[in-house]
Every structure is written in C-alpha cells, then in structure tokens.
Amino acid sequence: MNAPIPLVSRPYAWVRPLLLASRPVLRSAIVPAFLLVLGCACNHAAAATQQVTPLADDPACTAEDRKFMARAYELAAAASEKGNGAYGALVVKDGKILMEFSNDAKTSGDVTHHGETGLVSLTSRKLGITSMKGCTFYTSTEPCIMCCGAINSSGVTRLVYGVTAIQVSRLRGRKLPVKPLQVREVFERAGRANVAVCGPLMEGDGLAVHAAAFAKMDAAKP
C-alpha cells in the first residue's frame, strides 16, 4: 500500500533526486518515507493540507511512460520554482520528445497558459497544426476541461496523466465536488472515445511536487 503524502515545506530541490531514482520499486519506498519524515519536521505548515494516499498506477502504463512522466514532473516543478502552478506537459512521437511546456499562467499574465494548453499552442505554432496527430501527450496532472478541449483539438491519440486532479484537491484540503467531471468522461462525451487515456502514474511523485509547491506558496504569504 502506498503511504500517505503530507505537506512538505521545502522546494523541489529536496525531492528531485528521488524522482530521478532509476528503480521504481526503490523510489516508491523512499519518496513516501522521505516526505513523511520531512512533513513531521514541518508540522507548522502541515495544517494547510491533508494526508493523501497515492492511487495505484494504471496497469496500462508502460516503462516508457514512466520515463516521460518523470520529465513531466520535472517540468511541473520548474513551473513552481518560477511562481506558477506546478503543472507540466510534453508531447512524444516515436519515443522522442517533440515539445514540452511548463505552466506559466501567472508569470505570463495569460490565465489560459496551463501546461497542456500552452503545449498545444506552442507545438502548433512551431511544428504545424497537424504535428501532434498520432502522438502521446503526457501531463503531470489530470487536465482540466479547458485543457481537455485543447488536447482534443491537437489530434493526439493517447493521453497519459500523472496525478488525479481530485487528489490535488484532497492534498490542499479543498471541498470536493459531489460529481467530479474527470478526463475520461470528458473525452467520451466529446466524441473522442478513440483517444486512449491512461493514468494515474507515479502519483506519489506528483503529489510530492504539488506539496512542495503549496509549501512554497504558503511560506510566501505575509
């Protein structure tokens, strides 16, 4: 069973070596233990979040998916370091990264610049509007409805997300929706049932990135 992830009050630099651990089994054991110890040492900040148990990996995900999801989490952490929400995304074709993007909604002043919408926009402009057809789209956290629309328009045939969106809400202690609209339902109702949706994946790692980002935000408050 995955251990619950508490709030941490250090930047991503503390958890980055763990996310890059080469052995998934070792990482899955170390990350929750590390965060638990660090969280206990930072109880003054822990009141802002809840304990969250990471969900199990989607068995449809592959070893290659894990590699690219680790990169998505790095992009998410990079976004947080610049003062933006901890979200990142990349698009992959034939095992190679075509383009990647870190959320910059706050620093750019454009509220539509989520990780996913920003990536679709950047890739379309740089590589052409048909460049993502048949690609796999990786995003650090389950996309919102706006981002689902952008992904739907991109032509990708496979989407892999890391953290389940409602888990981020649980981590932050937000009120949960009675009937959350999740990514699989969005694509199905949009008539894109042919898009394979996989996730969650390495959710414990992703929750750690979000927890560090929340801690940084809380520390910056007056």
C-alpha atoms as a PDB file:
ATOM      1  CA  MET A   1       0.000   0.000   0.000  1.00  0.00           C
ATOM      2  CA  ASN A   2       1.244   3.488  -0.825  1.00  0.00           C
ATOM      3  CA  ALA A   3       1.971   5.695   2.171  1.00  0.00           C
ATOM      4  CA  PRO A   4       0.035   8.970   2.551  1.00  0.00           C
ATOM      5  CA  ILE A   5       1.705  12.117   1.256  1.00  0.00           C
ATOM      6  CA  PRO A   6       1.753  15.064   3.709  1.00  0.00           C
ATOM      7  CA  LEU A   7       2.644  18.682   3.010  1.00  0.00           C
ATOM      8  CA  VAL A   8       6.332  19.458   2.784  1.00  0.00           C
ATOM      9  CA  SER A   9       7.845  22.874   3.280  1.00  0.00           C
ATOM     10  CA  ARG A  10      10.942  22.686   1.146  1.00  0.00           C
ATOM     11  CA  PRO A  11      11.313  23.471  -2.571  1.00  0.00           C
ATOM     12  CA  TYR A  12      11.521  20.782  -5.233  1.00  0.00           C
ATOM     13  CA  ALA A  13      15.283  20.530  -4.913  1.00  0.00           C
ATOM     14  CA  TRP A  14      14.756  18.300  -1.868  1.00  0.00           C
ATOM     15  CA  VAL A  15      12.731  15.722  -3.777  1.00  0.00           C
ATOM     16  CA  ARG A  16      14.264  15.935  -7.227  1.00  0.00           C
ATOM     17  CA  PRO A  17      16.924  13.228  -6.643  1.00  0.00           C
ATOM     18  CA  LEU A  18      14.179  10.864  -5.535  1.00  0.00           C
ATOM     19  CA  LEU A  19      12.096  11.445  -8.651  1.00  0.00           C
ATOM     20  CA  LEU A  20      15.110  10.576 -10.756  1.00  0.00           C
ATOM     21  CA  ALA A  21      15.742   7.292  -8.921  1.00  0.00           C
ATOM     22  CA  SER A  22      16.380   4.636 -11.538  1.00  0.00           C
ATOM     23  CA  ARG A  23      14.448   1.865  -9.829  1.00  0.00           C
ATOM     24  CA  PRO A  24      10.668   2.364  -9.492  1.00  0.00           C
ATOM     25  CA  VAL A  25      10.416  -0.012  -6.534  1.00  0.00           C
ATOM     26  CA  LEU A  26      13.152   1.843  -4.663  1.00  0.00           C
ATOM     27  CA  ARG A  27      11.592   5.216  -5.463  1.00  0.00           C
ATOM     28  CA  SER A  28       8.118   4.112  -4.357  1.00  0.00           C
ATOM     29  CA  ALA A  29       9.568   3.134  -0.989  1.00  0.00           C
ATOM     30  CA  ILE A  30      11.839   6.132  -0.451  1.00  0.00           C
ATOM     31  CA  VAL A  31       9.620   9.026  -1.584  1.00  0.00           C
ATOM     32  CA  PRO A  32       6.721   8.479   0.874  1.00  0.00           C
ATOM     33  CA  ALA A  33       9.151   7.774   3.745  1.00  0.00           C
ATOM     34  CA  PHE A  34      11.191  10.893   2.973  1.00  0.00           C
ATOM     35  CA  LEU A  35       8.112  13.065   2.775  1.00  0.00           C
ATOM     36  CA  LEU A  36       6.671  11.636   5.969  1.00  0.00           C
ATOM     37  CA  VAL A  37       9.834  12.466   7.923  1.00  0.00           C
ATOM     38  CA  LEU A  38      10.077  15.920   6.370  1.00  0.00           C
ATOM     39  CA  GLY A  39       6.387  16.564   6.943  1.00  0.00           C
ATOM     40  CA  CYS A  40       6.675  15.639  10.627  1.00  0.00           C
ATOM     41  CA  ALA A  41       9.541  18.119  10.950  1.00  0.00           C
ATOM     42  CA  CYS A  42       7.354  20.845   9.416  1.00  0.00           C
ATOM     43  CA  ASN A  43       4.111  20.496  11.347  1.00  0.00           C
ATOM     44  CA  HIS A  44       3.682  24.269  11.406  1.00  0.00           C
ATOM     45  CA  ALA A  45       2.884  24.112   7.672  1.00  0.00           C
ATOM     46  CA  ALA A  46       1.003  20.828   7.583  1.00  0.00           C
ATOM     47  CA  ALA A  47      -2.315  22.347   8.629  1.00  0.00           C
ATOM     48  CA  ALA A  48      -2.751  23.691   5.096  1.00  0.00           C
ATOM     49  CA  THR A  49      -3.041  20.218   3.575  1.00  0.00           C
ATOM     50  CA  GLN A  50      -4.478  16.788   4.189  1.00  0.00           C
ATOM     51  CA  GLN A  51      -2.863  13.373   4.181  1.00  0.00           C
ATOM     52  CA  VAL A  52      -3.401  11.780   0.790  1.00  0.00           C
ATOM     53  CA  THR A  53      -2.710   8.168  -0.171  1.00  0.00           C
ATOM     54  CA  PRO A  54      -1.412   7.929  -3.759  1.00  0.00           C
ATOM     55  CA  LEU A  55      -3.514   5.833  -6.094  1.00  0.00           C
ATOM     56  CA  ALA A  56      -2.028   2.780  -7.769  1.00  0.00           C
ATOM     57  CA  ASP A  57      -0.522   3.096 -11.236  1.00  0.00           C
ATOM     58  CA  ASP A  58      -2.766   2.386 -14.193  1.00  0.00           C
ATOM     59  CA  PRO A  59      -1.601  -1.061 -15.388  1.00  0.00           C
ATOM     60  CA  ALA A  60      -1.930   0.131 -18.990  1.00  0.00           C
ATOM     61  CA  CYS A  61       1.081   2.399 -18.472  1.00  0.00           C
ATOM     62  CA  THR A  62       4.493   1.236 -19.678  1.00  0.00           C
ATOM     63  CA  ALA A  63       8.107   1.637 -18.614  1.00  0.00           C
ATOM     64  CA  GLU A  64       8.489   4.275 -21.324  1.00  0.00           C
ATOM     65  CA  ASP A  65       5.504   6.120 -19.879  1.00  0.00           C
ATOM     66  CA  ARG A  66       7.268   6.246 -16.531  1.00  0.00           C
ATOM     67  CA  LYS A  67      10.327   7.833 -18.111  1.00  0.00           C
ATOM     68  CA  PHE A  68       8.332  10.597 -19.763  1.00  0.00           C
ATOM     69  CA  MET A  69       6.136  11.137 -16.702  1.00  0.00           C
ATOM     70  CA  ALA A  70       9.266  11.751 -14.636  1.00  0.00           C
ATOM     71  CA  ARG A  71      10.071  14.511 -17.113  1.00  0.00           C
ATOM     72  CA  ALA A  72       6.546  15.926 -16.812  1.00  0.00           C
ATOM     73  CA  TYR A  73       7.035  16.164 -13.050  1.00  0.00           C
ATOM     74  CA  GLU A  74      10.331  17.988 -13.592  1.00  0.00           C
ATOM     75  CA  LEU A  75       8.524  20.493 -15.822  1.00  0.00           C
ATOM     76  CA  ALA A  76       5.836  20.904 -13.171  1.00  0.00           C
ATOM     77  CA  ALA A  77       8.433  21.586 -10.507  1.00  0.00           C
ATOM     78  CA  ALA A  78      10.180  24.085 -12.781  1.00  0.00           C
ATOM     79  CA  ALA A  79       6.889  25.936 -13.170  1.00  0.00           C
ATOM     80  CA  SER A  80       6.530  26.148  -9.390  1.00  0.00           C
ATOM     81  CA  GLU A  81      10.065  27.452  -8.979  1.00  0.00           C
ATOM     82  CA  LYS A  82       9.110  30.395 -11.220  1.00  0.00           C
ATOM     83  CA  GLY A  83       5.993  31.161  -9.198  1.00  0.00           C
ATOM     84  CA  ASN A  84       3.453  29.318 -11.330  1.00  0.00           C
ATOM     85  CA  GLY A  85       1.224  26.354 -10.549  1.00  0.00           C
ATOM     86  CA  ALA A  86       3.063  23.025 -10.505  1.00  0.00           C
ATOM     87  CA  TYR A  87       1.973  21.659 -13.881  1.00  0.00           C
ATOM     88  CA  GLY A  88       3.982  20.469 -16.870  1.00  0.00           C
ATOM     89  CA  ALA A  89       3.362  18.611 -20.112  1.00  0.00           C
ATOM     90  CA  LEU A  90       5.176  17.172 -23.108  1.00  0.00           C
ATOM     91  CA  VAL A  91       4.255  15.542 -26.388  1.00  0.00           C
ATOM     92  CA  VAL A  92       6.101  12.456 -27.645  1.00  0.00           C
ATOM     93  CA  LYS A  93       6.269  10.779 -31.037  1.00  0.00           C
ATOM     94  CA  ASP A  94       8.129   7.551 -31.778  1.00  0.00           C
ATOM     95  CA  GLY A  95       9.826   7.656 -28.396  1.00  0.00           C
ATOM     96  CA  LYS A  96      11.157  11.195 -28.821  1.00  0.00           C
ATOM     97  CA  ILE A  97      10.030  14.444 -27.206  1.00  0.00           C
ATOM     98  CA  LEU A  98       8.665  16.872 -29.789  1.00  0.00           C
ATOM     99  CA  MET A  99       7.924  19.739 -27.428  1.00  0.00           C
ATOM    100  CA  GLU A 100       7.439  20.442 -23.734  1.00  0.00           C
ATOM    101  CA  PHE A 101       5.905  23.211 -21.664  1.00  0.00           C
ATOM    102  CA  SER A 102       5.733  24.345 -18.045  1.00  0.00           C
ATOM    103  CA  ASN A 103       2.651  26.187 -16.817  1.00  0.00           C
ATOM    104  CA  ASP A 104       3.306  29.937 -16.894  1.00  0.00           C
ATOM    105  CA  ALA A 105      -0.202  31.290 -16.351  1.00  0.00           C
ATOM    106  CA  LYS A 106       0.919  33.616 -13.562  1.00  0.00           C
ATOM    107  CA  THR A 107       4.225  34.900 -14.906  1.00  0.00           C
ATOM    108  CA  SER A 108       2.887  35.355 -18.444  1.00  0.00           C
ATOM    109  CA  GLY A 109      -0.314  37.022 -17.283  1.00  0.00           C
ATOM    110  CA  ASP A 110      -2.281  34.623 -19.504  1.00  0.00           C
ATOM    111  CA  VAL A 111      -4.692  32.513 -17.446  1.00  0.00           C
ATOM    112  CA  THR A 112      -5.102  30.067 -20.348  1.00  0.00           C
ATOM    113  CA  HIS A 113      -1.417  29.110 -20.248  1.00  0.00           C
ATOM    114  CA  HIS A 114      -1.857  25.868 -18.348  1.00  0.00           C
ATOM    115  CA  GLY A 115       0.719  23.192 -19.038  1.00  0.00           C
ATOM    116  CA  GLU A 116      -1.465  21.446 -21.605  1.00  0.00           C
ATOM    117  CA  THR A 117      -2.951  24.444 -23.424  1.00  0.00           C
ATOM    118  CA  GLY A 118       0.453  26.090 -23.536  1.00  0.00           C
ATOM    119  CA  LEU A 119       1.982  22.950 -25.006  1.00  0.00           C
ATOM    120  CA  VAL A 120      -0.688  22.571 -27.693  1.00  0.00           C
ATOM    121  CA  SER A 121      -0.326  26.234 -28.657  1.00  0.00           C
ATOM    122  CA  LEU A 122       3.479  26.150 -28.748  1.00  0.00           C
ATOM    123  CA  THR A 123       3.671  22.898 -30.714  1.00  0.00           C
ATOM    124  CA  SER A 124       1.065  24.008 -33.240  1.00  0.00           C
ATOM    125  CA  ARG A 125       2.912  27.261 -33.908  1.00  0.00           C
ATOM    126  CA  LYS A 126       6.386  25.756 -34.021  1.00  0.00           C
ATOM    127  CA  LEU A 127       5.742  22.436 -35.783  1.00  0.00           C
ATOM    128  CA  GLY A 128       2.390  22.882 -37.523  1.00  0.00           C
ATOM    129  CA  ILE A 129      -1.227  22.199 -36.612  1.00  0.00           C
ATOM    130  CA  THR A 130      -1.057  18.542 -37.652  1.00  0.00           C
ATOM    131  CA  SER A 131       2.241  17.794 -35.891  1.00  0.00           C
ATOM    132  CA  MET A 132       0.639  16.106 -32.864  1.00  0.00           C
ATOM    133  CA  LYS A 133      -1.526  13.624 -34.732  1.00  0.00           C
ATOM    134  CA  GLY A 134      -0.798  10.117 -33.547  1.00  0.00           C
ATOM    135  CA  CYS A 135       1.375  11.324 -30.671  1.00  0.00           C
ATOM    136  CA  THR A 136       1.275  10.559 -26.958  1.00  0.00           C
ATOM    137  CA  PHE A 137       0.562  13.512 -24.673  1.00  0.00           C
ATOM    138  CA  TYR A 138       1.994  13.419 -21.143  1.00  0.00           C
ATOM    139  CA  THR A 139       0.755  15.742 -18.423  1.00  0.00           C
ATOM    140  CA  SER A 140       1.820  15.865 -14.795  1.00  0.00           C
ATOM    141  CA  THR A 141      -1.764  16.185 -13.517  1.00  0.00           C
ATOM    142  CA  GLU A 142      -5.121  15.158 -14.926  1.00  0.00           C
ATOM    143  CA  PRO A 143      -6.142  18.028 -17.240  1.00  0.00           C
ATOM    144  CA  CYS A 144      -8.990  20.456 -16.598  1.00  0.00           C
ATOM    145  CA  ILE A 145     -11.901  20.814 -19.026  1.00  0.00           C
ATOM    146  CA  MET A 146     -10.235  23.716 -20.840  1.00  0.00           C
ATOM    147  CA  CYS A 147      -7.080  21.703 -21.381  1.00  0.00           C
ATOM    148  CA  CYS A 148      -9.088  18.677 -22.493  1.00  0.00           C
ATOM    149  CA  GLY A 149     -10.528  20.852 -25.253  1.00  0.00           C
ATOM    150  CA  ALA A 150      -7.068  21.846 -26.424  1.00  0.00           C
ATOM    151  CA  ILE A 151      -5.807  18.269 -26.311  1.00  0.00           C
ATOM    152  CA  ASN A 152      -8.907  17.140 -28.193  1.00  0.00           C
ATOM    153  CA  SER A 153      -8.124  19.608 -30.971  1.00  0.00           C
ATOM    154  CA  SER A 154      -4.481  18.572 -31.218  1.00  0.00           C
ATOM    155  CA  GLY A 155      -5.110  15.168 -32.769  1.00  0.00           C
ATOM    156  CA  VAL A 156      -3.201  13.095 -30.224  1.00  0.00           C
ATOM    157  CA  THR A 157      -4.366   9.507 -29.884  1.00  0.00           C
ATOM    158  CA  ARG A 158      -3.061   8.768 -26.399  1.00  0.00           C
ATOM    159  CA  LEU A 159      -3.042  10.767 -23.166  1.00  0.00           C
ATOM    160  CA  VAL A 160      -1.122   9.829 -20.027  1.00  0.00           C
ATOM    161  CA  TYR A 161      -1.583  11.804 -16.817  1.00  0.00           C
ATOM    162  CA  GLY A 162       0.263  11.565 -13.526  1.00  0.00           C
ATOM    163  CA  VAL A 163      -1.781  12.840 -10.587  1.00  0.00           C
ATOM    164  CA  THR A 164      -5.559  12.543 -10.425  1.00  0.00           C
ATOM    165  CA  ALA A 165      -6.978  16.076 -10.188  1.00  0.00           C
ATOM    166  CA  ILE A 166      -9.221  15.327  -7.233  1.00  0.00           C
ATOM    167  CA  GLN A 167      -6.173  14.084  -5.324  1.00  0.00           C
ATOM    168  CA  VAL A 168      -4.634  17.551  -5.594  1.00  0.00           C
ATOM    169  CA  SER A 169      -7.823  18.981  -4.110  1.00  0.00           C
ATOM    170  CA  ARG A 170      -7.607  16.467  -1.275  1.00  0.00           C
ATOM    171  CA  LEU A 171      -3.981  17.391  -0.655  1.00  0.00           C
ATOM    172  CA  ARG A 172      -4.876  21.056  -0.366  1.00  0.00           C
ATOM    173  CA  GLY A 173      -7.940  20.366   1.792  1.00  0.00           C
ATOM    174  CA  ARG A 174     -10.369  21.842  -0.718  1.00  0.00           C
ATOM    175  CA  LYS A 175     -14.063  20.994  -0.777  1.00  0.00           C
ATOM    176  CA  LEU A 176     -14.557  18.126  -3.205  1.00  0.00           C
ATOM    177  CA  PRO A 177     -17.208  18.188  -5.944  1.00  0.00           C
ATOM    178  CA  VAL A 178     -20.125  15.794  -5.500  1.00  0.00           C
ATOM    179  CA  LYS A 179     -19.773  14.501  -9.057  1.00  0.00           C
ATOM    180  CA  PRO A 180     -16.284  15.324 -10.325  1.00  0.00           C
ATOM    181  CA  LEU A 181     -16.007  15.507 -14.114  1.00  0.00           C
ATOM    182  CA  GLN A 182     -12.885  13.535 -14.935  1.00  0.00           C
ATOM    183  CA  VAL A 183     -10.818  13.335 -18.080  1.00  0.00           C
ATOM    184  CA  ARG A 184     -12.115  10.002 -19.365  1.00  0.00           C
ATOM    185  CA  GLU A 185     -15.703  11.201 -19.219  1.00  0.00           C
ATOM    186  CA  VAL A 186     -14.790  14.492 -20.909  1.00  0.00           C
ATOM    187  CA  PHE A 187     -13.240  12.747 -23.906  1.00  0.00           C
ATOM    188  CA  GLU A 188     -16.059  10.237 -24.126  1.00  0.00           C
ATOM    189  CA  ARG A 189     -18.707  12.972 -24.103  1.00  0.00           C
ATOM    190  CA  ALA A 190     -16.688  14.958 -26.661  1.00  0.00           C
ATOM    191  CA  GLY A 191     -16.884  12.025 -29.051  1.00  0.00           C
ATOM    192  CA  ARG A 192     -13.206  11.190 -28.734  1.00  0.00           C
ATOM    193  CA  ALA A 193     -13.566   7.732 -27.230  1.00  0.00           C
ATOM    194  CA  ASN A 194     -10.797   6.660 -29.618  1.00  0.00           C
ATOM    195  CA  VAL A 195      -8.260   8.579 -27.515  1.00  0.00           C
ATOM    196  CA  ALA A 196      -6.650   6.155 -25.067  1.00  0.00           C
ATOM    197  CA  VAL A 197      -6.456   7.735 -21.609  1.00  0.00           C
ATOM    198  CA  CYS A 198      -4.002   6.249 -19.115  1.00  0.00           C
ATOM    199  CA  GLY A 199      -3.366   7.296 -15.543  1.00  0.00           C
ATOM    200  CA  PRO A 200      -2.704   7.862 -12.774  1.00  0.00           C
ATOM    201  CA  LEU A 201       1.005   7.160 -12.962  1.00  0.00           C
ATOM    202  CA  MET A 202       3.680   7.642 -10.294  1.00  0.00           C
ATOM    203  CA  GLU A 203       1.119   9.651  -8.345  1.00  0.00           C
ATOM    204  CA  GLY A 204       3.182   9.703  -5.175  1.00  0.00           C
ATOM    205  CA  ASP A 205       5.963  11.543  -7.007  1.00  0.00           C
ATOM    206  CA  GLY A 206       3.500  14.042  -8.448  1.00  0.00           C
ATOM    207  CA  LEU A 207       1.819  14.701  -5.124  1.00  0.00           C
ATOM    208  CA  ALA A 208       5.247  15.406  -3.660  1.00  0.00           C
ATOM    209  CA  VAL A 209       5.799  18.086  -6.304  1.00  0.00           C
ATOM    210  CA  HIS A 210       2.410  19.650  -5.533  1.00  0.00           C
ATOM    211  CA  ALA A 211       3.066  19.502  -1.789  1.00  0.00           C
ATOM    212  CA  ALA A 212       6.391  21.302  -2.201  1.00  0.00           C
ATOM    213  CA  ALA A 213       4.698  23.911  -4.394  1.00  0.00           C
ATOM    214  CA  PHE A 214       1.934  24.507  -1.847  1.00  0.00           C
ATOM    215  CA  ALA A 215       4.514  24.850   0.910  1.00  0.00           C
ATOM    216  CA  LYS A 216       6.398  27.444  -1.122  1.00  0.00           C
ATOM    217  CA  MET A 217       3.178  29.379  -1.741  1.00  0.00           C
ATOM    218  CA  ASP A 218       2.263  29.302   1.955  1.00  0.00           C
ATOM    219  CA  ALA A 219       5.748  30.415   3.000  1.00  0.00           C
ATOM    220  CA  ALA A 220       5.486  33.429   0.682  1.00  0.00           C
ATOM    221  CA  LYS A 221       2.279  34.642   2.301  1.00  0.00           C
ATOM    222  CA  PRO A 222       2.683  37.599   4.692  1.00  0.00           C
END
